[in-house]
Amino acid sequence: MINDDELVCFCSVVTAGTIRQAMRDGGRTLDDIRRMTGACTLGRCKELSPRGR
């Protein structure tokens, strides 16, 4: 399991913990999570990720 502090969205600097919290707060779809956290909204994660993916 990914640590809560690990970045999963590099372009918007969103952590796994932030996404998990959004799910606890009622987020059920990717669109919900995007709206609640700002994750996956800038489209630069692959470019900014040190993993290159």
N, C-alpha and C. Protein backbone atom coordinates (compact mmCIF):
# COMPACT_ATOMS: atom_id res chain seq x y z
N MET A 1 0.84 -1.18 0.00
CA MET A 1 0.00 0.00 0.00
C MET A 1 0.89 1.25 0.00
N ILE A 2 0.44 2.24 -0.70
CA ILE A 2 1.17 3.51 -0.79
C ILE A 2 0.99 4.29 0.51
N ASN A 3 2.08 4.84 1.01
CA ASN A 3 2.09 5.67 2.21
C ASN A 3 1.23 6.91 1.98
N ASP A 4 0.53 7.38 3.02
CA ASP A 4 -0.32 8.57 2.92
C ASP A 4 0.43 9.82 2.47
N ASP A 5 1.72 9.90 2.76
CA ASP A 5 2.51 11.08 2.41
C ASP A 5 3.07 11.04 0.99
N GLU A 6 2.91 9.92 0.30
CA GLU A 6 3.49 9.79 -1.04
C GLU A 6 2.66 10.56 -2.07
N LEU A 7 3.37 11.33 -2.89
CA LEU A 7 2.69 12.06 -3.96
C LEU A 7 2.19 11.10 -5.02
N VAL A 8 0.95 11.29 -5.43
CA VAL A 8 0.41 10.49 -6.52
C VAL A 8 0.05 11.39 -7.70
N CYS A 9 -0.11 12.67 -7.45
CA CYS A 9 -0.34 13.65 -8.52
C CYS A 9 0.73 14.72 -8.36
N PHE A 10 1.73 14.63 -9.23
CA PHE A 10 2.88 15.52 -9.11
C PHE A 10 2.60 16.94 -9.59
N CYS A 11 1.70 17.09 -10.55
CA CYS A 11 1.43 18.44 -11.08
C CYS A 11 0.63 19.28 -10.09
N SER A 12 -0.25 18.65 -9.32
CA SER A 12 -1.06 19.39 -8.35
C SER A 12 -0.62 19.15 -6.91
N VAL A 13 0.45 18.36 -6.72
CA VAL A 13 1.03 18.04 -5.42
C VAL A 13 -0.05 17.48 -4.48
N VAL A 14 -0.67 16.37 -4.92
CA VAL A 14 -1.71 15.70 -4.13
C VAL A 14 -1.16 14.37 -3.66
N THR A 15 -1.33 14.10 -2.37
CA THR A 15 -0.83 12.87 -1.79
C THR A 15 -1.90 11.78 -1.77
N ALA A 16 -1.44 10.56 -1.53
CA ALA A 16 -2.37 9.43 -1.40
C ALA A 16 -3.32 9.67 -0.24
N GLY A 17 -2.82 10.24 0.84
CA GLY A 17 -3.66 10.53 2.01
C GLY A 17 -4.77 11.52 1.69
N THR A 18 -4.46 12.51 0.86
CA THR A 18 -5.47 13.49 0.46
C THR A 18 -6.57 12.81 -0.35
N ILE A 19 -6.18 11.91 -1.22
CA ILE A 19 -7.16 11.18 -2.03
C ILE A 19 -7.99 10.26 -1.14
N ARG A 20 -7.35 9.57 -0.21
CA ARG A 20 -8.10 8.70 0.70
C ARG A 20 -9.10 9.51 1.53
N GLN A 21 -8.69 10.69 1.97
CA GLN A 21 -9.60 11.54 2.75
C GLN A 21 -10.79 11.98 1.91
N ALA A 22 -10.55 12.31 0.65
CA ALA A 22 -11.64 12.69 -0.24
C ALA A 22 -12.62 11.52 -0.39
N MET A 23 -12.11 10.31 -0.45
CA MET A 23 -12.98 9.14 -0.55
C MET A 23 -13.79 8.96 0.74
N ARG A 24 -13.17 9.17 1.88
CA ARG A 24 -13.91 9.10 3.15
C ARG A 24 -14.97 10.19 3.23
N ASP A 25 -14.69 11.32 2.56
CA ASP A 25 -15.62 12.45 2.56
C ASP A 25 -16.71 12.32 1.50
N GLY A 26 -16.76 11.20 0.81
CA GLY A 26 -17.84 10.95 -0.13
C GLY A 26 -17.46 10.86 -1.59
N GLY A 27 -16.21 11.11 -1.94
CA GLY A 27 -15.79 10.99 -3.33
C GLY A 27 -15.86 9.55 -3.79
N ARG A 28 -16.58 9.29 -4.88
CA ARG A 28 -16.74 7.92 -5.36
C ARG A 28 -16.20 7.72 -6.77
N THR A 29 -16.14 8.76 -7.54
CA THR A 29 -15.67 8.64 -8.92
C THR A 29 -14.39 9.44 -9.10
N LEU A 30 -13.71 9.22 -10.22
CA LEU A 30 -12.51 9.99 -10.51
C LEU A 30 -12.86 11.48 -10.61
N ASP A 31 -14.00 11.78 -11.20
CA ASP A 31 -14.42 13.19 -11.29
C ASP A 31 -14.63 13.79 -9.90
N ASP A 32 -15.20 13.03 -8.97
CA ASP A 32 -15.37 13.49 -7.59
C ASP A 32 -14.01 13.81 -6.98
N ILE A 33 -13.07 12.88 -7.13
CA ILE A 33 -11.74 13.04 -6.54
C ILE A 33 -11.03 14.23 -7.16
N ARG A 34 -11.12 14.39 -8.46
CA ARG A 34 -10.51 15.56 -9.13
C ARG A 34 -11.07 16.85 -8.57
N ARG A 35 -12.40 16.92 -8.47
CA ARG A 35 -13.05 18.13 -8.00
C ARG A 35 -12.67 18.44 -6.55
N MET A 36 -12.59 17.41 -5.72
CA MET A 36 -12.34 17.59 -4.30
C MET A 36 -10.87 17.87 -3.96
N THR A 37 -9.95 17.36 -4.79
CA THR A 37 -8.52 17.47 -4.45
C THR A 37 -7.70 18.29 -5.43
N GLY A 38 -8.20 18.45 -6.64
CA GLY A 38 -7.42 19.13 -7.68
C GLY A 38 -6.47 18.18 -8.40
N ALA A 39 -6.47 16.91 -8.03
CA ALA A 39 -5.60 15.92 -8.66
C ALA A 39 -5.98 15.73 -10.13
N CYS A 40 -4.99 15.47 -10.95
CA CYS A 40 -5.19 15.14 -12.38
C CYS A 40 -5.92 16.25 -13.13
N THR A 41 -5.65 17.48 -12.78
CA THR A 41 -6.34 18.59 -13.45
C THR A 41 -5.40 19.43 -14.32
N LEU A 42 -4.11 19.30 -14.12
CA LEU A 42 -3.17 20.11 -14.88
C LEU A 42 -2.53 19.35 -16.05
N GLY A 43 -2.59 18.02 -16.00
CA GLY A 43 -2.09 17.20 -17.10
C GLY A 43 -0.59 17.15 -17.26
N ARG A 44 0.15 17.39 -16.19
CA ARG A 44 1.62 17.37 -16.30
C ARG A 44 2.26 16.32 -15.38
N CYS A 45 1.49 15.41 -14.82
CA CYS A 45 2.04 14.43 -13.88
C CYS A 45 3.14 13.59 -14.49
N LYS A 46 2.92 13.07 -15.69
CA LYS A 46 3.94 12.22 -16.31
C LYS A 46 5.24 13.00 -16.50
N GLU A 47 5.13 14.23 -16.91
CA GLU A 47 6.30 15.08 -17.13
C GLU A 47 7.03 15.40 -15.82
N LEU A 48 6.28 15.61 -14.74
CA LEU A 48 6.86 16.02 -13.47
C LEU A 48 7.24 14.85 -12.55
N SER A 49 6.71 13.67 -12.82
CA SER A 49 6.97 12.50 -11.97
C SER A 49 8.41 12.05 -12.10
N PRO A 50 9.08 11.82 -10.99
CA PRO A 50 10.43 11.30 -11.07
C PRO A 50 10.46 9.86 -11.61
N ARG A 51 9.31 9.19 -11.59
CA ARG A 51 9.20 7.83 -12.11
C ARG A 51 8.95 7.81 -13.61
N GLY A 52 8.60 8.96 -14.18
CA GLY A 52 8.37 9.04 -15.61
C GLY A 52 7.10 8.36 -16.07
N ARG A 53 6.13 8.21 -15.18
CA ARG A 53 4.84 7.60 -15.55
C ARG A 53 3.71 8.21 -14.77
